[in-house]
mmCIF file of all heavy atoms, coordinates in Angstrom:
data_MODEL
# 
_entry.id   MODEL 
# 
loop_
_atom_site.group_PDB 
_atom_site.id 
_atom_site.type_symbol 
_atom_site.label_atom_id 
_atom_site.label_alt_id 
_atom_site.label_comp_id 
_atom_site.label_asym_id 
_atom_site.label_entity_id 
_atom_site.label_seq_id 
_atom_site.pdbx_PDB_ins_code 
_atom_site.Cartn_x 
_atom_site.Cartn_y 
_atom_site.Cartn_z 
_atom_site.occupancy 
_atom_site.B_iso_or_equiv 
_atom_site.pdbx_formal_charge 
_atom_site.auth_seq_id 
_atom_site.auth_comp_id 
_atom_site.auth_asym_id 
_atom_site.auth_atom_id 
_atom_site.pdbx_PDB_model_num 
ATOM 1   N N   . ALA A 1 1  ? 119.106 40.125 79.766  1.00 0.00 ? 1  ALA A N   1 
ATOM 2   C CA  . ALA A 1 1  ? 118.205 39.887 78.631  1.00 0.00 ? 1  ALA A CA  1 
ATOM 3   C C   . ALA A 1 1  ? 116.830 40.491 78.867  1.00 0.00 ? 1  ALA A C   1 
ATOM 4   O O   . ALA A 1 1  ? 116.077 40.730 77.910  1.00 0.00 ? 1  ALA A O   1 
ATOM 5   C CB  . ALA A 1 1  ? 118.080 38.388 78.370  1.00 0.00 ? 1  ALA A CB  1 
ATOM 6   N N   . GLN A 1 2  ? 116.492 40.756 80.129  1.00 0.00 ? 2  GLN A N   1 
ATOM 7   C CA  . GLN A 1 2  ? 115.192 41.352 80.458  1.00 0.00 ? 2  GLN A CA  1 
ATOM 8   C C   . GLN A 1 2  ? 115.297 42.842 80.769  1.00 0.00 ? 2  GLN A C   1 
ATOM 9   O O   . GLN A 1 2  ? 114.368 43.439 81.302  1.00 0.00 ? 2  GLN A O   1 
ATOM 10  C CB  . GLN A 1 2  ? 114.569 40.604 81.649  1.00 0.00 ? 2  GLN A CB  1 
ATOM 11  C CG  . GLN A 1 2  ? 114.438 39.109 81.440  1.00 0.00 ? 2  GLN A CG  1 
ATOM 12  C CD  . GLN A 1 2  ? 113.706 38.763 80.155  1.00 0.00 ? 2  GLN A CD  1 
ATOM 13  O OE1 . GLN A 1 2  ? 112.724 39.415 79.790  1.00 0.00 ? 2  GLN A OE1 1 
ATOM 14  N NE2 . GLN A 1 2  ? 114.162 37.713 79.472  1.00 0.00 ? 2  GLN A NE2 1 
ATOM 15  N N   . GLY A 1 3  ? 116.443 43.442 80.455  1.00 0.00 ? 3  GLY A N   1 
ATOM 16  C CA  . GLY A 1 3  ? 116.566 44.891 80.584  1.00 0.00 ? 3  GLY A CA  1 
ATOM 17  C C   . GLY A 1 3  ? 117.475 45.380 81.687  1.00 0.00 ? 3  GLY A C   1 
ATOM 18  O O   . GLY A 1 3  ? 117.667 46.602 81.824  1.00 0.00 ? 3  GLY A O   1 
ATOM 19  N N   . CYS A 1 4  ? 118.033 44.490 82.492  1.00 0.00 ? 4  CYS A N   1 
ATOM 20  C CA  . CYS A 1 4  ? 118.919 44.917 83.582  1.00 0.00 ? 4  CYS A CA  1 
ATOM 21  C C   . CYS A 1 4  ? 120.186 45.546 83.006  1.00 0.00 ? 4  CYS A C   1 
ATOM 22  O O   . CYS A 1 4  ? 120.915 44.908 82.238  1.00 0.00 ? 4  CYS A O   1 
ATOM 23  C CB  . CYS A 1 4  ? 119.263 43.724 84.463  1.00 0.00 ? 4  CYS A CB  1 
ATOM 24  S SG  . CYS A 1 4  ? 120.493 44.096 85.734  1.00 0.00 ? 4  CYS A SG  1 
ATOM 25  N N   . HIS A 1 5  ? 120.480 46.768 83.387  1.00 0.00 ? 5  HIS A N   1 
ATOM 26  C CA  . HIS A 1 5  ? 121.686 47.468 82.924  1.00 0.00 ? 5  HIS A CA  1 
ATOM 27  C C   . HIS A 1 5  ? 122.736 47.552 84.030  1.00 0.00 ? 5  HIS A C   1 
ATOM 28  O O   . HIS A 1 5  ? 123.923 47.368 83.779  1.00 0.00 ? 5  HIS A O   1 
ATOM 29  C CB  . HIS A 1 5  ? 121.326 48.872 82.454  1.00 0.00 ? 5  HIS A CB  1 
ATOM 30  C CG  . HIS A 1 5  ? 122.486 49.652 81.919  1.00 0.00 ? 5  HIS A CG  1 
ATOM 31  N ND1 . HIS A 1 5  ? 122.925 49.542 80.612  1.00 0.00 ? 5  HIS A ND1 1 
ATOM 32  C CD2 . HIS A 1 5  ? 123.323 50.558 82.516  1.00 0.00 ? 5  HIS A CD2 1 
ATOM 33  C CE1 . HIS A 1 5  ? 123.965 50.333 80.418  1.00 0.00 ? 5  HIS A CE1 1 
ATOM 34  N NE2 . HIS A 1 5  ? 124.229 50.967 81.556  1.00 0.00 ? 5  HIS A NE2 1 
ATOM 35  N N   . TYR A 1 6  ? 122.276 47.820 85.268  1.00 0.00 ? 6  TYR A N   1 
ATOM 36  C CA  . TYR A 1 6  ? 123.170 48.015 86.390  1.00 0.00 ? 6  TYR A CA  1 
ATOM 37  C C   . TYR A 1 6  ? 123.184 46.759 87.264  1.00 0.00 ? 6  TYR A C   1 
ATOM 38  O O   . TYR A 1 6  ? 122.153 46.377 87.829  1.00 0.00 ? 6  TYR A O   1 
ATOM 39  C CB  . TYR A 1 6  ? 122.724 49.218 87.225  1.00 0.00 ? 6  TYR A CB  1 
ATOM 40  C CG  . TYR A 1 6  ? 122.633 50.491 86.420  1.00 0.00 ? 6  TYR A CG  1 
ATOM 41  C CD1 . TYR A 1 6  ? 121.401 50.927 85.912  1.00 0.00 ? 6  TYR A CD1 1 
ATOM 42  C CD2 . TYR A 1 6  ? 123.767 51.241 86.142  1.00 0.00 ? 6  TYR A CD2 1 
ATOM 43  C CE1 . TYR A 1 6  ? 121.321 52.093 85.163  1.00 0.00 ? 6  TYR A CE1 1 
ATOM 44  C CE2 . TYR A 1 6  ? 123.688 52.410 85.390  1.00 0.00 ? 6  TYR A CE2 1 
ATOM 45  C CZ  . TYR A 1 6  ? 122.460 52.829 84.901  1.00 0.00 ? 6  TYR A CZ  1 
ATOM 46  O OH  . TYR A 1 6  ? 122.386 53.973 84.152  1.00 0.00 ? 6  TYR A OH  1 
ATOM 47  N N   . ALA A 1 7  ? 124.340 46.119 87.365  1.00 0.00 ? 7  ALA A N   1 
ATOM 48  C CA  . ALA A 1 7  ? 124.421 44.855 88.092  1.00 0.00 ? 7  ALA A CA  1 
ATOM 49  C C   . ALA A 1 7  ? 125.732 44.756 88.852  1.00 0.00 ? 7  ALA A C   1 
ATOM 50  O O   . ALA A 1 7  ? 126.717 45.425 88.528  1.00 0.00 ? 7  ALA A O   1 
ATOM 51  C CB  . ALA A 1 7  ? 124.279 43.678 87.126  1.00 0.00 ? 7  ALA A CB  1 
ATOM 52  N N   . PHE A 1 8  ? 125.736 43.876 89.854  1.00 0.00 ? 8  PHE A N   1 
ATOM 53  C CA  . PHE A 1 8  ? 126.921 43.604 90.655  1.00 0.00 ? 8  PHE A CA  1 
ATOM 54  C C   . PHE A 1 8  ? 127.271 42.124 90.598  1.00 0.00 ? 8  PHE A C   1 
ATOM 55  O O   . PHE A 1 8  ? 126.392 41.269 90.463  1.00 0.00 ? 8  PHE A O   1 
ATOM 56  C CB  . PHE A 1 8  ? 126.689 43.993 92.124  1.00 0.00 ? 8  PHE A CB  1 
ATOM 57  C CG  . PHE A 1 8  ? 126.742 45.470 92.386  1.00 0.00 ? 8  PHE A CG  1 
ATOM 58  C CD1 . PHE A 1 8  ? 125.620 46.266 92.174  1.00 0.00 ? 8  PHE A CD1 1 
ATOM 59  C CD2 . PHE A 1 8  ? 127.897 46.067 92.855  1.00 0.00 ? 8  PHE A CD2 1 
ATOM 60  C CE1 . PHE A 1 8  ? 125.655 47.631 92.419  1.00 0.00 ? 8  PHE A CE1 1 
ATOM 61  C CE2 . PHE A 1 8  ? 127.947 47.437 93.104  1.00 0.00 ? 8  PHE A CE2 1 
ATOM 62  C CZ  . PHE A 1 8  ? 126.824 48.213 92.879  1.00 0.00 ? 8  PHE A CZ  1 
ATOM 63  N N   . THR A 1 9  ? 128.565 41.833 90.729  1.00 0.00 ? 9  THR A N   1 
ATOM 64  C CA  . THR A 1 9  ? 128.977 40.455 90.955  1.00 0.00 ? 9  THR A CA  1 
ATOM 65  C C   . THR A 1 9  ? 128.525 40.059 92.362  1.00 0.00 ? 9  THR A C   1 
ATOM 66  O O   . THR A 1 9  ? 128.077 40.896 93.151  1.00 0.00 ? 9  THR A O   1 
ATOM 67  C CB  . THR A 1 9  ? 130.508 40.310 90.889  1.00 0.00 ? 9  THR A CB  1 
ATOM 68  O OG1 . THR A 1 9  ? 131.094 40.924 92.060  1.00 0.00 ? 9  THR A OG1 1 
ATOM 69  C CG2 . THR A 1 9  ? 131.089 40.954 89.640  1.00 0.00 ? 9  THR A CG2 1 
ATOM 70  N N   . ALA A 1 10 ? 128.669 38.779 92.687  1.00 0.00 ? 10 ALA A N   1 
ATOM 71  C CA  . ALA A 1 10 ? 128.525 38.380 94.083  1.00 0.00 ? 10 ALA A CA  1 
ATOM 72  C C   . ALA A 1 10 ? 129.652 39.019 94.881  1.00 0.00 ? 10 ALA A C   1 
ATOM 73  O O   . ALA A 1 10 ? 130.676 39.433 94.337  1.00 0.00 ? 10 ALA A O   1 
ATOM 74  C CB  . ALA A 1 10 ? 128.578 36.863 94.197  1.00 0.00 ? 10 ALA A CB  1 
ATOM 75  N N   . LEU A 1 11 ? 129.475 39.118 96.203  1.00 0.00 ? 11 LEU A N   1 
ATOM 76  C CA  . LEU A 1 11 ? 130.499 39.755 97.015  1.00 0.00 ? 11 LEU A CA  1 
ATOM 77  C C   . LEU A 1 11 ? 131.762 38.900 97.079  1.00 0.00 ? 11 LEU A C   1 
ATOM 78  O O   . LEU A 1 11 ? 131.724 37.675 96.947  1.00 0.00 ? 11 LEU A O   1 
ATOM 79  C CB  . LEU A 1 11 ? 129.975 40.067 98.412  1.00 0.00 ? 11 LEU A CB  1 
ATOM 80  C CG  . LEU A 1 11 ? 129.517 38.921 99.315  1.00 0.00 ? 11 LEU A CG  1 
ATOM 81  C CD1 . LEU A 1 11 ? 130.689 38.298 100.059 1.00 0.00 ? 11 LEU A CD1 1 
ATOM 82  C CD2 . LEU A 1 11 ? 128.485 39.429 100.318 1.00 0.00 ? 11 LEU A CD2 1 
ATOM 83  N N   . VAL A 1 12 ? 132.898 39.566 97.261  1.00 0.00 ? 12 VAL A N   1 
ATOM 84  C CA  . VAL A 1 12 ? 134.177 38.879 97.442  1.00 0.00 ? 12 VAL A CA  1 
ATOM 85  C C   . VAL A 1 12 ? 134.744 39.264 98.799  1.00 0.00 ? 12 VAL A C   1 
ATOM 86  O O   . VAL A 1 12 ? 134.628 40.415 99.237  1.00 0.00 ? 12 VAL A O   1 
ATOM 87  C CB  . VAL A 1 12 ? 135.190 39.217 96.324  1.00 0.00 ? 12 VAL A CB  1 
ATOM 88  C CG1 . VAL A 1 12 ? 134.762 38.594 95.015  1.00 0.00 ? 12 VAL A CG1 1 
ATOM 89  C CG2 . VAL A 1 12 ? 135.371 40.718 96.163  1.00 0.00 ? 12 VAL A CG2 1 
ATOM 90  N N   . ASP A 1 13 ? 135.335 38.296 99.461  1.00 0.00 ? 13 ASP A N   1 
ATOM 91  C CA  . ASP A 1 13 ? 135.935 38.526 100.768 1.00 0.00 ? 13 ASP A CA  1 
ATOM 92  C C   . ASP A 1 13 ? 137.322 39.135 100.594 1.00 0.00 ? 13 ASP A C   1 
ATOM 93  O O   . ASP A 1 13 ? 138.134 38.650 99.801  1.00 0.00 ? 13 ASP A O   1 
ATOM 94  C CB  . ASP A 1 13 ? 136.017 37.209 101.532 1.00 0.00 ? 13 ASP A CB  1 
ATOM 95  C CG  . ASP A 1 13 ? 136.621 37.385 102.902 1.00 0.00 ? 13 ASP A CG  1 
ATOM 96  O OD1 . ASP A 1 13 ? 135.883 37.718 103.843 1.00 0.00 ? 13 ASP A OD1 1 
ATOM 97  O OD2 . ASP A 1 13 ? 137.850 37.198 103.028 1.00 0.00 ? 13 ASP A OD2 1 
ATOM 98  N N   . ALA A 1 14 ? 137.614 40.197 101.349 1.00 0.00 ? 14 ALA A N   1 
ATOM 99  C CA  . ALA A 1 14 ? 138.896 40.880 101.209 1.00 0.00 ? 14 ALA A CA  1 
ATOM 100 C C   . ALA A 1 14 ? 140.064 39.955 101.524 1.00 0.00 ? 14 ALA A C   1 
ATOM 101 O O   . ALA A 1 14 ? 141.099 39.974 100.839 1.00 0.00 ? 14 ALA A O   1 
ATOM 102 C CB  . ALA A 1 14 ? 138.930 42.109 102.113 1.00 0.00 ? 14 ALA A CB  1 
ATOM 103 N N   . GLY A 1 15 ? 139.923 39.127 102.557 1.00 0.00 ? 15 GLY A N   1 
ATOM 104 C CA  . GLY A 1 15 ? 140.988 38.201 102.900 1.00 0.00 ? 15 GLY A CA  1 
ATOM 105 C C   . GLY A 1 15 ? 141.221 37.175 101.810 1.00 0.00 ? 15 GLY A C   1 
ATOM 106 O O   . GLY A 1 15 ? 142.362 36.894 101.429 1.00 0.00 ? 15 GLY A O   1 
ATOM 107 N N   . ALA A 1 16 ? 140.129 36.607 101.291 1.00 0.00 ? 16 ALA A N   1 
ATOM 108 C CA  . ALA A 1 16 ? 140.249 35.624 100.208 1.00 0.00 ? 16 ALA A CA  1 
ATOM 109 C C   . ALA A 1 16 ? 140.858 36.257 98.972  1.00 0.00 ? 16 ALA A C   1 
ATOM 110 O O   . ALA A 1 16 ? 141.638 35.628 98.248  1.00 0.00 ? 16 ALA A O   1 
ATOM 111 C CB  . ALA A 1 16 ? 138.871 35.035 99.888  1.00 0.00 ? 16 ALA A CB  1 
ATOM 112 N N   . MET A 1 17 ? 140.525 37.523 98.733  1.00 0.00 ? 17 MET A N   1 
ATOM 113 C CA  . MET A 1 17 ? 141.084 38.235 97.590  1.00 0.00 ? 17 MET A CA  1 
ATOM 114 C C   . MET A 1 17 ? 142.577 38.479 97.794  1.00 0.00 ? 17 MET A C   1 
ATOM 115 O O   . MET A 1 17 ? 143.408 38.234 96.912  1.00 0.00 ? 17 MET A O   1 
ATOM 116 C CB  . MET A 1 17 ? 140.349 39.573 97.434  1.00 0.00 ? 17 MET A CB  1 
ATOM 117 C CG  . MET A 1 17 ? 140.685 40.329 96.170  1.00 0.00 ? 17 MET A CG  1 
ATOM 118 S SD  . MET A 1 17 ? 139.866 39.616 94.741  1.00 0.00 ? 17 MET A SD  1 
ATOM 119 C CE  . MET A 1 17 ? 140.701 40.516 93.435  1.00 0.00 ? 17 MET A CE  1 
ATOM 120 N N   . ALA A 1 18 ? 142.937 38.922 98.986  1.00 0.00 ? 18 ALA A N   1 
ATOM 121 C CA  . ALA A 1 18 ? 144.336 39.249 99.264  1.00 0.00 ? 18 ALA A CA  1 
ATOM 122 C C   . ALA A 1 18 ? 145.233 38.023 99.205  1.00 0.00 ? 18 ALA A C   1 
ATOM 123 O O   . ALA A 1 18 ? 146.400 38.111 98.802  1.00 0.00 ? 18 ALA A O   1 
ATOM 124 C CB  . ALA A 1 18 ? 144.440 39.913 100.639 1.00 0.00 ? 18 ALA A CB  1 
ATOM 125 N N   . TYR A 1 19 ? 144.692 36.868 99.608  1.00 0.00 ? 19 TYR A N   1 
ATOM 126 C CA  . TYR A 1 19 ? 145.501 35.648 99.647  1.00 0.00 ? 19 TYR A CA  1 
ATOM 127 C C   . TYR A 1 19 ? 145.314 34.764 98.425  1.00 0.00 ? 19 TYR A C   1 
ATOM 128 O O   . TYR A 1 19 ? 145.759 33.619 98.400  1.00 0.00 ? 19 TYR A O   1 
ATOM 129 C CB  . TYR A 1 19 ? 145.208 34.875 100.932 1.00 0.00 ? 19 TYR A CB  1 
ATOM 130 C CG  . TYR A 1 19 ? 145.709 35.595 102.167 1.00 0.00 ? 19 TYR A CG  1 
ATOM 131 C CD1 . TYR A 1 19 ? 144.809 36.111 103.099 1.00 0.00 ? 19 TYR A CD1 1 
ATOM 132 C CD2 . TYR A 1 19 ? 147.064 35.788 102.371 1.00 0.00 ? 19 TYR A CD2 1 
ATOM 133 C CE1 . TYR A 1 19 ? 145.263 36.793 104.218 1.00 0.00 ? 19 TYR A CE1 1 
ATOM 134 C CE2 . TYR A 1 19 ? 147.539 36.467 103.493 1.00 0.00 ? 19 TYR A CE2 1 
ATOM 135 C CZ  . TYR A 1 19 ? 146.627 36.961 104.421 1.00 0.00 ? 19 TYR A CZ  1 
ATOM 136 O OH  . TYR A 1 19 ? 147.085 37.643 105.527 1.00 0.00 ? 19 TYR A OH  1 
ATOM 137 N N   . GLY A 1 20 ? 144.660 35.282 97.393  1.00 0.00 ? 20 GLY A N   1 
ATOM 138 C CA  . GLY A 1 20 ? 144.629 34.599 96.108  1.00 0.00 ? 20 GLY A CA  1 
ATOM 139 C C   . GLY A 1 20 ? 143.712 33.399 96.011  1.00 0.00 ? 20 GLY A C   1 
ATOM 140 O O   . GLY A 1 20 ? 144.032 32.443 95.286  1.00 0.00 ? 20 GLY A O   1 
ATOM 141 N N   . ASN A 1 21 ? 142.578 33.425 96.691  1.00 0.00 ? 21 ASN A N   1 
ATOM 142 C CA  . ASN A 1 21 ? 141.618 32.328 96.556  1.00 0.00 ? 21 ASN A CA  1 
ATOM 143 C C   . ASN A 1 21 ? 141.179 32.206 95.093  1.00 0.00 ? 21 ASN A C   1 
ATOM 144 O O   . ASN A 1 21 ? 140.661 33.157 94.509  1.00 0.00 ? 21 ASN A O   1 
ATOM 145 C CB  . ASN A 1 21 ? 140.399 32.597 97.441  1.00 0.00 ? 21 ASN A CB  1 
ATOM 146 C CG  . ASN A 1 21 ? 139.452 31.417 97.513  1.00 0.00 ? 21 ASN A CG  1 
ATOM 147 O OD1 . ASN A 1 21 ? 139.191 30.757 96.513  1.00 0.00 ? 21 ASN A OD1 1 
ATOM 148 N ND2 . ASN A 1 21 ? 138.922 31.148 98.691  1.00 0.00 ? 21 ASN A ND2 1 
ATOM 149 N N   . PRO A 1 22 ? 141.376 31.019 94.464  1.00 0.00 ? 22 PRO A N   1 
ATOM 150 C CA  . PRO A 1 22 ? 141.077 30.882 93.029  1.00 0.00 ? 22 PRO A CA  1 
ATOM 151 C C   . PRO A 1 22 ? 139.595 31.019 92.693  1.00 0.00 ? 22 PRO A C   1 
ATOM 152 O O   . PRO A 1 22 ? 139.245 31.301 91.543  1.00 0.00 ? 22 PRO A O   1 
ATOM 153 C CB  . PRO A 1 22 ? 141.597 29.476 92.694  1.00 0.00 ? 22 PRO A CB  1 
ATOM 154 C CG  . PRO A 1 22 ? 141.613 28.744 94.001  1.00 0.00 ? 22 PRO A CG  1 
ATOM 155 C CD  . PRO A 1 22 ? 141.944 29.785 95.037  1.00 0.00 ? 22 PRO A CD  1 
ATOM 156 N N   . HIS A 1 23 ? 138.711 30.827 93.681  1.00 0.00 ? 23 HIS A N   1 
ATOM 157 C CA  . HIS A 1 23 ? 137.273 30.950 93.414  1.00 0.00 ? 23 HIS A CA  1 
ATOM 158 C C   . HIS A 1 23 ? 136.891 32.374 93.009  1.00 0.00 ? 23 HIS A C   1 
ATOM 159 O O   . HIS A 1 23 ? 135.850 32.591 92.374  1.00 0.00 ? 23 HIS A O   1 
ATOM 160 C CB  . HIS A 1 23 ? 136.459 30.515 94.640  1.00 0.00 ? 23 HIS A CB  1 
ATOM 161 C CG  . HIS A 1 23 ? 136.580 29.065 94.965  1.00 0.00 ? 23 HIS A CG  1 
ATOM 162 N ND1 . HIS A 1 23 ? 136.205 28.077 94.079  1.00 0.00 ? 23 HIS A ND1 1 
ATOM 163 C CD2 . HIS A 1 23 ? 137.036 28.433 96.067  1.00 0.00 ? 23 HIS A CD2 1 
ATOM 164 C CE1 . HIS A 1 23 ? 136.417 26.895 94.625  1.00 0.00 ? 23 HIS A CE1 1 
ATOM 165 N NE2 . HIS A 1 23 ? 136.934 27.080 95.834  1.00 0.00 ? 23 HIS A NE2 1 
ATOM 166 N N   . ASN A 1 24 ? 137.711 33.330 93.397  1.00 0.00 ? 24 ASN A N   1 
ATOM 167 C CA  . ASN A 1 24 ? 137.402 34.720 93.035  1.00 0.00 ? 24 ASN A CA  1 
ATOM 168 C C   . ASN A 1 24 ? 137.408 34.944 91.531  1.00 0.00 ? 24 ASN A C   1 
ATOM 169 O O   . ASN A 1 24 ? 136.759 35.865 91.035  1.00 0.00 ? 24 ASN A O   1 
ATOM 170 C CB  . ASN A 1 24 ? 138.396 35.671 93.705  1.00 0.00 ? 24 ASN A CB  1 
ATOM 171 C CG  . ASN A 1 24 ? 138.173 35.766 95.196  1.00 0.00 ? 24 ASN A CG  1 
ATOM 172 O OD1 . ASN A 1 24 ? 137.046 35.678 95.668  1.00 0.00 ? 24 ASN A OD1 1 
ATOM 173 N ND2 . ASN A 1 24 ? 139.251 35.939 95.949  1.00 0.00 ? 24 ASN A ND2 1 
ATOM 174 N N   . GLU A 1 25 ? 138.145 34.125 90.803  1.00 0.00 ? 25 GLU A N   1 
ATOM 175 C CA  . GLU A 1 25 ? 138.192 34.281 89.351  1.00 0.00 ? 25 GLU A CA  1 
ATOM 176 C C   . GLU A 1 25 ? 136.808 34.106 88.729  1.00 0.00 ? 25 GLU A C   1 
ATOM 177 O O   . GLU A 1 25 ? 136.433 34.834 87.811  1.00 0.00 ? 25 GLU A O   1 
ATOM 178 C CB  . GLU A 1 25 ? 139.189 33.300 88.737  1.00 0.00 ? 25 GLU A CB  1 
ATOM 179 C CG  . GLU A 1 25 ? 140.639 33.639 89.019  1.00 0.00 ? 25 GLU A CG  1 
ATOM 180 C CD  . GLU A 1 25 ? 141.024 35.019 88.509  1.00 0.00 ? 25 GLU A CD  1 
ATOM 181 O OE1 . GLU A 1 25 ? 140.653 35.376 87.373  1.00 0.00 ? 25 GLU A OE1 1 
ATOM 182 O OE2 . GLU A 1 25 ? 141.699 35.756 89.262  1.00 0.00 ? 25 GLU A OE2 1 
ATOM 183 N N   . THR A 1 26 ? 136.049 33.117 89.205  1.00 0.00 ? 26 THR A N   1 
ATOM 184 C CA  . THR A 1 26 ? 134.701 32.917 88.660  1.00 0.00 ? 26 THR A CA  1 
ATOM 185 C C   . THR A 1 26 ? 133.727 33.952 89.218  1.00 0.00 ? 26 THR A C   1 
ATOM 186 O O   . THR A 1 26 ? 132.834 34.413 88.509  1.00 0.00 ? 26 THR A O   1 
ATOM 187 C CB  . THR A 1 26 ? 134.186 31.501 88.957  1.00 0.00 ? 26 THR A CB  1 
ATOM 188 O OG1 . THR A 1 26 ? 134.335 31.212 90.349  1.00 0.00 ? 26 THR A OG1 1 
ATOM 189 C CG2 . THR A 1 26 ? 134.943 30.461 88.156  1.00 0.00 ? 26 THR A CG2 1 
ATOM 190 N N   . ILE A 1 27 ? 133.902 34.343 90.477  1.00 0.00 ? 27 ILE A N   1 
ATOM 191 C CA  . ILE A 1 27 ? 133.025 35.362 91.057  1.00 0.00 ? 27 ILE A CA  1 
ATOM 192 C C   . ILE A 1 27 ? 133.147 36.674 90.292  1.00 0.00 ? 27 ILE A C   1 
ATOM 193 O O   . ILE A 1 27 ? 132.154 37.345 90.005  1.00 0.00 ? 27 ILE A O   1 
ATOM 194 C CB  . ILE A 1 27 ? 133.360 35.593 92.547  1.00 0.00 ? 27 ILE A CB  1 
ATOM 195 C CG1 . ILE A 1 27 ? 133.011 34.351 93.367  1.00 0.00 ? 27 ILE A CG1 1 
ATOM 196 C CG2 . ILE A 1 27 ? 132.601 36.812 93.086  1.00 0.00 ? 27 ILE A CG2 1 
ATOM 197 C CD1 . ILE A 1 27 ? 133.435 34.456 94.829  1.00 0.00 ? 27 ILE A CD1 1 
# 
């Protein structure tokens, strides 16, 4: 809302991603 165009999500852990940690859905 203040002009930011380029942004990143919070980081995700590769292991948590590979093993299906449900918290990654909100991240």
